[in-house]
Structure formats: structure tokens, C-alpha cells
Amino acid sequence: PATLLLLVPAFVAAKTLGIIAGVIAAANRGTLTAGALSFFSVLGLAVPSFWVAVMLMLVFSVTLGWLPAARIGGIESYILPLITLTIPSVAETMRLTRSNMMEQTRKEYVKLARLKGVSEAKVIWKHSLKNSSTAVLASSGPTLALLLTGSILIENVFAWPGTGRLLFEAISSRDYPVVQALIILQGLFLVFANLAVDLVQAWIDPRIRIR
């Protein structure tokens, strides 16, 4: 349960923020805004999560004293782990959304919609984003895998009592039955998560349904 309390909001935040940022970057390509978002996407994937976690704890917990540094408590104890866990997934989703949106905006149906006088906001948010959603949705499985593996490190940094920390402790103490059980559990979680993504993808896009 403690791991799910991080994974679920982190997944929702990663997809929501990543899609919005990717659409903005694609719609404003060549501008300072698009450049800043692209720089964030590169930085978010390049900077190690443990360094981000330590820096956030140093600034907001040690220096400012605004947020707790570790363990589950009130709602404020979720902020730093969620930010640390979400940053790489937001960057990855943003890059994927941006590339797919830019590909869609060059297609003929988008040019036709603009020639017919459809507003730019409707072209971007309704037509282009709708046709980019399949690829973005397909990345949900890898996003969950990234979050699940990232949670192992984040839970140890923030002393979060989830499966990631339990796995680290089991490896350290050579408790092999617990290690095997947790790896099987995480593997099953990813299998069923990917199956759910495939089913939703087939429901949204009739072209990929199995007849």
C-alpha cells in the first residue's frame, strides 16, 4: 500500500504534466518556451534521482524546514518523494508527446483543418492530440516500469516503508525468499499493467482491435 500511494499519484502527475508540456512545446516550437521545456526534458532524464532527492531534502527540509525529510506522515510528507519520482517520467512523456504532436501537425488532415478555418487551439488539442494519444498511451507500461524501479531508490532515500525499501533490505540481508517474492510481485504488477494499457488502447483506437 505504501508503494501504491507513491506510484498512483506519480503516474497520474507524470502523464498529465508530460502531455500538457509536450503539447505546449510542439505548438510553440522555435520559441523560448519550447526551448526551456526541451532543456527540462533532457535534464530530467539525465540527472540522477538520488541527487535530486538529496538536493530537495537539503533545501526544503534542512535549510527551510518546510517539509519533512523522511517517513510517512501527513500530506506534506508525500511532496518530496512524489516530485523526485515524477520528474524523469514527466520528461519522458513530454518528449514522446512533443515528437508525436510535431509529426501529426505536418499531416494533411491538419493542414486541411487549418484551411477550413478551424481554430489553432482546436487543431492542436482536439485533432493532433487525439491522434497522438495512442502512442502516448502505449508508453504507460514503460512509464510504470520506470516509476516502479525508481521507487526502490526513492523509498530508501526517504525511508518510505514500501516494497522498494523492503527489497533493498532483503538484498542487503541476503533474504532470498523475500527478494524472489518481491521480484515476482513486481513482475506480475507490470504484466497486468501492460495488459490493461493494451485493452484501453484497443478501446480508444478501433484500428488496433483484434477481430
C-alpha atoms as a PDB file:
ATOM      1  CA  PRO A   1       0.000   0.000   0.000  1.00  0.00           C
ATOM      2  CA  ALA A   2       2.783   2.494   0.779  1.00  0.00           C
ATOM      3  CA  THR A   3       4.329   1.930  -2.663  1.00  0.00           C
ATOM      4  CA  LEU A   4       0.967   2.356  -4.396  1.00  0.00           C
ATOM      5  CA  LEU A   5       0.459   5.616  -2.511  1.00  0.00           C
ATOM      6  CA  LEU A   6       3.504   6.883  -4.406  1.00  0.00           C
ATOM      7  CA  LEU A   7       3.056   5.112  -7.737  1.00  0.00           C
ATOM      8  CA  VAL A   8      -0.557   6.070  -8.471  1.00  0.00           C
ATOM      9  CA  PRO A   9      -0.285   9.861  -7.959  1.00  0.00           C
ATOM     10  CA  ALA A  10       3.179   9.858  -9.588  1.00  0.00           C
ATOM     11  CA  PHE A  11       1.780   8.098 -12.669  1.00  0.00           C
ATOM     12  CA  VAL A  12      -1.184  10.472 -12.938  1.00  0.00           C
ATOM     13  CA  ALA A  13       1.048  13.518 -12.468  1.00  0.00           C
ATOM     14  CA  ALA A  14       3.645  12.236 -14.953  1.00  0.00           C
ATOM     15  CA  LYS A  15       1.094  11.651 -17.703  1.00  0.00           C
ATOM     16  CA  THR A  16      -0.888  14.831 -17.087  1.00  0.00           C
ATOM     17  CA  LEU A  17       2.064  17.202 -16.801  1.00  0.00           C
ATOM     18  CA  GLY A  18       4.053  15.424 -19.510  1.00  0.00           C
ATOM     19  CA  ILE A  19       1.228  15.590 -22.052  1.00  0.00           C
ATOM     20  CA  ILE A  20       0.481  19.258 -21.331  1.00  0.00           C
ATOM     21  CA  ALA A  21       4.157  20.211 -21.523  1.00  0.00           C
ATOM     22  CA  GLY A  22       4.643  18.171 -24.709  1.00  0.00           C
ATOM     23  CA  VAL A  23       1.688  19.829 -26.426  1.00  0.00           C
ATOM     24  CA  ILE A  24       2.909  23.286 -25.421  1.00  0.00           C
ATOM     25  CA  ALA A  25       6.428  22.507 -26.670  1.00  0.00           C
ATOM     26  CA  ALA A  26       5.119  21.204 -30.013  1.00  0.00           C
ATOM     27  CA  ALA A  27       2.717  24.113 -30.506  1.00  0.00           C
ATOM     28  CA  ASN A  28       5.390  26.709 -29.735  1.00  0.00           C
ATOM     29  CA  ARG A  29       8.424  25.112 -31.372  1.00  0.00           C
ATOM     30  CA  GLY A  30      11.238  27.514 -32.066  1.00  0.00           C
ATOM     31  CA  THR A  31      10.301  29.755 -29.118  1.00  0.00           C
ATOM     32  CA  LEU A  32      11.947  30.294 -25.761  1.00  0.00           C
ATOM     33  CA  THR A  33       9.174  28.308 -24.056  1.00  0.00           C
ATOM     34  CA  ALA A  34       9.761  25.263 -26.249  1.00  0.00           C
ATOM     35  CA  GLY A  35      13.497  25.527 -25.692  1.00  0.00           C
ATOM     36  CA  ALA A  36      13.073  25.681 -21.918  1.00  0.00           C
ATOM     37  CA  LEU A  37      10.767  22.652 -21.932  1.00  0.00           C
ATOM     38  CA  SER A  38      13.161  20.696 -24.145  1.00  0.00           C
ATOM     39  CA  PHE A  39      16.021  21.558 -21.791  1.00  0.00           C
ATOM     40  CA  PHE A  40      13.940  20.328 -18.849  1.00  0.00           C
ATOM     41  CA  SER A  41      13.208  17.037 -20.643  1.00  0.00           C
ATOM     42  CA  VAL A  42      16.910  16.404 -21.211  1.00  0.00           C
ATOM     43  CA  LEU A  43      17.826  17.452 -17.678  1.00  0.00           C
ATOM     44  CA  GLY A  44      15.027  15.423 -16.114  1.00  0.00           C
ATOM     45  CA  LEU A  45      16.307  12.226 -17.710  1.00  0.00           C
ATOM     46  CA  ALA A  46      19.996  12.957 -17.209  1.00  0.00           C
ATOM     47  CA  VAL A  47      20.129  13.998 -13.552  1.00  0.00           C
ATOM     48  CA  PRO A  48      20.219  11.027 -11.112  1.00  0.00           C
ATOM     49  CA  SER A  49      17.108  10.720  -8.959  1.00  0.00           C
ATOM     50  CA  PHE A  50      19.093  10.218  -5.752  1.00  0.00           C
ATOM     51  CA  TRP A  51      20.863  13.562  -6.316  1.00  0.00           C
ATOM     52  CA  VAL A  52      17.530  15.313  -6.879  1.00  0.00           C
ATOM     53  CA  ALA A  53      16.187  13.701  -3.693  1.00  0.00           C
ATOM     54  CA  VAL A  54      19.173  14.810  -1.634  1.00  0.00           C
ATOM     55  CA  MET A  55      19.039  18.381  -3.016  1.00  0.00           C
ATOM     56  CA  LEU A  56      15.294  18.660  -2.296  1.00  0.00           C
ATOM     57  CA  MET A  57      15.823  17.411   1.245  1.00  0.00           C
ATOM     58  CA  LEU A  58      18.724  19.821   1.729  1.00  0.00           C
ATOM     59  CA  VAL A  59      16.740  22.841   0.542  1.00  0.00           C
ATOM     60  CA  PHE A  60      13.187  22.215   1.749  1.00  0.00           C
ATOM     61  CA  SER A  61      13.827  20.097   4.853  1.00  0.00           C
ATOM     62  CA  VAL A  62      17.213  21.088   6.243  1.00  0.00           C
ATOM     63  CA  THR A  63      17.571  24.722   5.125  1.00  0.00           C
ATOM     64  CA  LEU A  64      13.975  25.983   5.009  1.00  0.00           C
ATOM     65  CA  GLY A  65      12.333  23.430   7.301  1.00  0.00           C
ATOM     66  CA  TRP A  66       9.140  23.456   5.257  1.00  0.00           C
ATOM     67  CA  LEU A  67       8.755  19.729   4.591  1.00  0.00           C
ATOM     68  CA  PRO A  68       9.666  16.531   6.447  1.00  0.00           C
ATOM     69  CA  ALA A  69      12.765  14.746   5.167  1.00  0.00           C
ATOM     70  CA  ALA A  70      11.615  11.156   5.587  1.00  0.00           C
ATOM     71  CA  ARG A  71       8.899   8.662   6.540  1.00  0.00           C
ATOM     72  CA  ILE A  72       5.140   8.686   6.013  1.00  0.00           C
ATOM     73  CA  GLY A  73       3.255  11.347   7.920  1.00  0.00           C
ATOM     74  CA  GLY A  74       0.757  13.927   6.796  1.00  0.00           C
ATOM     75  CA  ILE A  75       0.121  15.030   3.243  1.00  0.00           C
ATOM     76  CA  GLU A  76       3.288  17.140   3.313  1.00  0.00           C
ATOM     77  CA  SER A  77       5.447  14.014   3.624  1.00  0.00           C
ATOM     78  CA  TYR A  78       4.380  12.934   0.111  1.00  0.00           C
ATOM     79  CA  ILE A  79       5.567  16.086  -1.673  1.00  0.00           C
ATOM     80  CA  LEU A  80       9.330  15.496  -1.908  1.00  0.00           C
ATOM     81  CA  PRO A  81       9.140  11.757  -2.814  1.00  0.00           C
ATOM     82  CA  LEU A  82       6.483  12.446  -5.447  1.00  0.00           C
ATOM     83  CA  ILE A  83       8.458  15.280  -7.041  1.00  0.00           C
ATOM     84  CA  THR A  84      11.614  13.170  -7.160  1.00  0.00           C
ATOM     85  CA  LEU A  85       9.819  10.131  -8.552  1.00  0.00           C
ATOM     86  CA  THR A  86       7.796  12.069 -11.118  1.00  0.00           C
ATOM     87  CA  ILE A  87      10.482  14.234 -12.768  1.00  0.00           C
ATOM     88  CA  PRO A  88      12.032  11.540 -15.063  1.00  0.00           C
ATOM     89  CA  SER A  89       8.601  10.247 -16.134  1.00  0.00           C
ATOM     90  CA  VAL A  90       7.317  13.755 -16.879  1.00  0.00           C
ATOM     91  CA  ALA A  91      10.405  14.382 -19.028  1.00  0.00           C
ATOM     92  CA  GLU A  92       9.984  11.108 -20.927  1.00  0.00           C
ATOM     93  CA  THR A  93       6.244  11.622 -21.522  1.00  0.00           C
ATOM     94  CA  MET A  94       6.852  15.201 -22.641  1.00  0.00           C
ATOM     95  CA  ARG A  95       9.469  14.149 -25.205  1.00  0.00           C
ATOM     96  CA  LEU A  96       7.208  11.431 -26.591  1.00  0.00           C
ATOM     97  CA  THR A  97       4.175  13.730 -26.776  1.00  0.00           C
ATOM     98  CA  ARG A  98       6.182  16.507 -28.413  1.00  0.00           C
ATOM     99  CA  SER A  99       7.624  14.252 -31.117  1.00  0.00           C
ATOM    100  CA  ASN A 100       4.235  12.691 -31.922  1.00  0.00           C
ATOM    101  CA  MET A 101       2.482  16.057 -31.936  1.00  0.00           C
ATOM    102  CA  MET A 102       5.046  17.517 -34.328  1.00  0.00           C
ATOM    103  CA  GLU A 103       4.564  14.526 -36.612  1.00  0.00           C
ATOM    104  CA  GLN A 104       0.783  14.924 -36.556  1.00  0.00           C
ATOM    105  CA  THR A 105       0.855  18.662 -37.240  1.00  0.00           C
ATOM    106  CA  ARG A 106       2.674  18.012 -40.535  1.00  0.00           C
ATOM    107  CA  LYS A 107      -0.038  15.684 -41.847  1.00  0.00           C
ATOM    108  CA  GLU A 108      -2.599  16.596 -44.474  1.00  0.00           C
ATOM    109  CA  TYR A 109      -5.687  16.454 -42.259  1.00  0.00           C
ATOM    110  CA  VAL A 110      -4.194  19.139 -40.004  1.00  0.00           C
ATOM    111  CA  LYS A 111      -3.407  21.353 -42.986  1.00  0.00           C
ATOM    112  CA  LEU A 112      -6.954  20.836 -44.274  1.00  0.00           C
ATOM    113  CA  ALA A 113      -8.456  21.719 -40.887  1.00  0.00           C
ATOM    114  CA  ARG A 114      -6.482  24.964 -40.833  1.00  0.00           C
ATOM    115  CA  LEU A 115      -7.538  25.807 -44.396  1.00  0.00           C
ATOM    116  CA  LYS A 116     -11.171  25.287 -43.380  1.00  0.00           C
ATOM    117  CA  GLY A 117     -10.732  27.899 -40.643  1.00  0.00           C
ATOM    118  CA  VAL A 118     -10.629  25.618 -37.615  1.00  0.00           C
ATOM    119  CA  SER A 119      -9.057  27.440 -34.674  1.00  0.00           C
ATOM    120  CA  GLU A 120      -5.450  26.607 -33.838  1.00  0.00           C
ATOM    121  CA  ALA A 121      -6.384  25.535 -30.304  1.00  0.00           C
ATOM    122  CA  LYS A 122      -8.923  23.043 -31.668  1.00  0.00           C
ATOM    123  CA  VAL A 123      -6.455  21.739 -34.253  1.00  0.00           C
ATOM    124  CA  ILE A 124      -3.849  21.119 -31.560  1.00  0.00           C
ATOM    125  CA  TRP A 125      -5.871  19.949 -28.577  1.00  0.00           C
ATOM    126  CA  LYS A 126      -8.605  18.016 -30.396  1.00  0.00           C
ATOM    127  CA  HIS A 127      -7.274  16.717 -33.696  1.00  0.00           C
ATOM    128  CA  SER A 128      -3.497  16.422 -33.255  1.00  0.00           C
ATOM    129  CA  LEU A 129      -3.539  15.350 -29.611  1.00  0.00           C
ATOM    130  CA  LYS A 130      -6.299  12.816 -30.209  1.00  0.00           C
ATOM    131  CA  ASN A 131      -4.274  11.102 -32.934  1.00  0.00           C
ATOM    132  CA  SER A 132      -1.126  11.243 -30.798  1.00  0.00           C
ATOM    133  CA  SER A 133      -2.836   9.701 -27.783  1.00  0.00           C
ATOM    134  CA  THR A 134      -2.327   6.107 -28.944  1.00  0.00           C
ATOM    135  CA  ALA A 135       1.464   6.357 -28.848  1.00  0.00           C
ATOM    136  CA  VAL A 136       1.384   8.277 -25.575  1.00  0.00           C
ATOM    137  CA  LEU A 137      -0.930   5.689 -24.031  1.00  0.00           C
ATOM    138  CA  ALA A 138       1.303   2.867 -25.252  1.00  0.00           C
ATOM    139  CA  SER A 139       4.144   4.381 -23.231  1.00  0.00           C
ATOM    140  CA  SER A 140       2.185   3.927 -19.996  1.00  0.00           C
ATOM    141  CA  GLY A 141       3.676   0.472 -19.475  1.00  0.00           C
ATOM    142  CA  PRO A 142       7.293   1.693 -19.663  1.00  0.00           C
ATOM    143  CA  THR A 143       6.328   4.678 -17.515  1.00  0.00           C
ATOM    144  CA  LEU A 144       5.038   2.356 -14.792  1.00  0.00           C
ATOM    145  CA  ALA A 145       8.210   0.288 -15.062  1.00  0.00           C
ATOM    146  CA  LEU A 146      10.315   3.437 -14.712  1.00  0.00           C
ATOM    147  CA  LEU A 147       8.315   4.533 -11.681  1.00  0.00           C
ATOM    148  CA  LEU A 148       8.467   1.096 -10.075  1.00  0.00           C
ATOM    149  CA  THR A 149      12.235   0.776 -10.454  1.00  0.00           C
ATOM    150  CA  GLY A 150      12.711   4.390  -9.381  1.00  0.00           C
ATOM    151  CA  SER A 151      10.663   3.802  -6.262  1.00  0.00           C
ATOM    152  CA  ILE A 152      13.285   1.320  -4.997  1.00  0.00           C
ATOM    153  CA  LEU A 153      15.833   4.114  -4.724  1.00  0.00           C
ATOM    154  CA  ILE A 154      13.412   6.849  -3.664  1.00  0.00           C
ATOM    155  CA  GLU A 155      11.900   4.761  -0.869  1.00  0.00           C
ATOM    156  CA  ASN A 156      15.352   4.158   0.583  1.00  0.00           C
ATOM    157  CA  VAL A 157      16.357   7.813   0.402  1.00  0.00           C
ATOM    158  CA  PHE A 158      13.158   8.988   2.085  1.00  0.00           C
ATOM    159  CA  ALA A 159      12.839   5.975   4.436  1.00  0.00           C
ATOM    160  CA  TRP A 160       9.492   5.128   2.850  1.00  0.00           C
ATOM    161  CA  PRO A 161       8.094   1.782   4.111  1.00  0.00           C
ATOM    162  CA  GLY A 162       7.230   0.304   0.717  1.00  0.00           C
ATOM    163  CA  THR A 163       8.248  -2.699  -1.376  1.00  0.00           C
ATOM    164  CA  GLY A 164      11.287  -0.853  -2.745  1.00  0.00           C
ATOM    165  CA  ARG A 165      12.797  -0.380   0.672  1.00  0.00           C
ATOM    166  CA  LEU A 166      11.856  -3.937   1.679  1.00  0.00           C
ATOM    167  CA  LEU A 167      13.599  -5.247  -1.450  1.00  0.00           C
ATOM    168  CA  PHE A 168      16.758  -3.281  -0.651  1.00  0.00           C
ATOM    169  CA  GLU A 169      16.776  -4.552   2.931  1.00  0.00           C
ATOM    170  CA  ALA A 170      16.179  -8.133   1.761  1.00  0.00           C
ATOM    171  CA  ILE A 171      19.093  -7.931  -0.689  1.00  0.00           C
ATOM    172  CA  SER A 172      21.346  -6.430   1.996  1.00  0.00           C
ATOM    173  CA  SER A 173      20.495  -9.222   4.448  1.00  0.00           C
ATOM    174  CA  ARG A 174      20.523 -11.915   1.730  1.00  0.00           C
ATOM    175  CA  ASP A 175      16.947 -12.869   2.438  1.00  0.00           C
ATOM    176  CA  TYR A 176      16.483 -14.609  -0.914  1.00  0.00           C
ATOM    177  CA  PRO A 177      12.866 -15.822  -0.474  1.00  0.00           C
ATOM    178  CA  VAL A 178      11.729 -12.233   0.157  1.00  0.00           C
ATOM    179  CA  VAL A 179      13.771 -10.996  -2.837  1.00  0.00           C
ATOM    180  CA  GLN A 180      12.203 -13.629  -5.101  1.00  0.00           C
ATOM    181  CA  ALA A 181       8.700 -12.895  -3.841  1.00  0.00           C
ATOM    182  CA  LEU A 182       9.058  -9.145  -4.387  1.00  0.00           C
ATOM    183  CA  ILE A 183      10.510  -9.557  -7.879  1.00  0.00           C
ATOM    184  CA  ILE A 184       7.647 -11.894  -8.829  1.00  0.00           C
ATOM    185  CA  LEU A 185       5.137  -9.446  -7.349  1.00  0.00           C
ATOM    186  CA  GLN A 186       6.608  -6.511  -9.266  1.00  0.00           C
ATOM    187  CA  GLY A 187       6.764  -8.575 -12.449  1.00  0.00           C
ATOM    188  CA  LEU A 188       3.090  -9.537 -12.146  1.00  0.00           C
ATOM    189  CA  PHE A 189       2.186  -5.903 -11.491  1.00  0.00           C
ATOM    190  CA  LEU A 190       3.909  -4.819 -14.713  1.00  0.00           C
ATOM    191  CA  VAL A 191       2.352  -7.662 -16.727  1.00  0.00           C
ATOM    192  CA  PHE A 192      -1.180  -6.772 -15.653  1.00  0.00           C
ATOM    193  CA  ALA A 193      -0.483  -3.046 -16.033  1.00  0.00           C
ATOM    194  CA  ASN A 194       0.679  -3.568 -19.620  1.00  0.00           C
ATOM    195  CA  LEU A 195      -2.345  -5.763 -20.317  1.00  0.00           C
ATOM    196  CA  ALA A 196      -4.646  -3.024 -19.015  1.00  0.00           C
ATOM    197  CA  VAL A 197      -2.858  -0.462 -21.209  1.00  0.00           C
ATOM    198  CA  ASP A 198      -3.310  -2.676 -24.290  1.00  0.00           C
ATOM    199  CA  LEU A 199      -7.015  -3.133 -23.577  1.00  0.00           C
ATOM    200  CA  VAL A 200      -7.587   0.591 -23.097  1.00  0.00           C
ATOM    201  CA  GLN A 201      -5.575   1.337 -26.231  1.00  0.00           C
ATOM    202  CA  ALA A 202      -7.722  -1.063 -28.268  1.00  0.00           C
ATOM    203  CA  TRP A 203     -10.863   0.510 -26.844  1.00  0.00           C
ATOM    204  CA  ILE A 204      -9.741   4.030 -27.767  1.00  0.00           C
ATOM    205  CA  ASP A 205      -8.385   3.205 -31.233  1.00  0.00           C
ATOM    206  CA  PRO A 206     -10.594   0.743 -33.206  1.00  0.00           C
ATOM    207  CA  ARG A 207      -7.822   0.276 -35.796  1.00  0.00           C
ATOM    208  CA  ILE A 208      -5.757  -1.884 -33.446  1.00  0.00           C
ATOM    209  CA  ARG A 209      -8.569  -4.070 -32.146  1.00  0.00           C
ATOM    210  CA  ILE A 210      -8.174  -7.800 -32.664  1.00  0.00           C
ATOM    211  CA  ARG A 211     -11.026  -9.089 -34.772  1.00  0.00           C
END
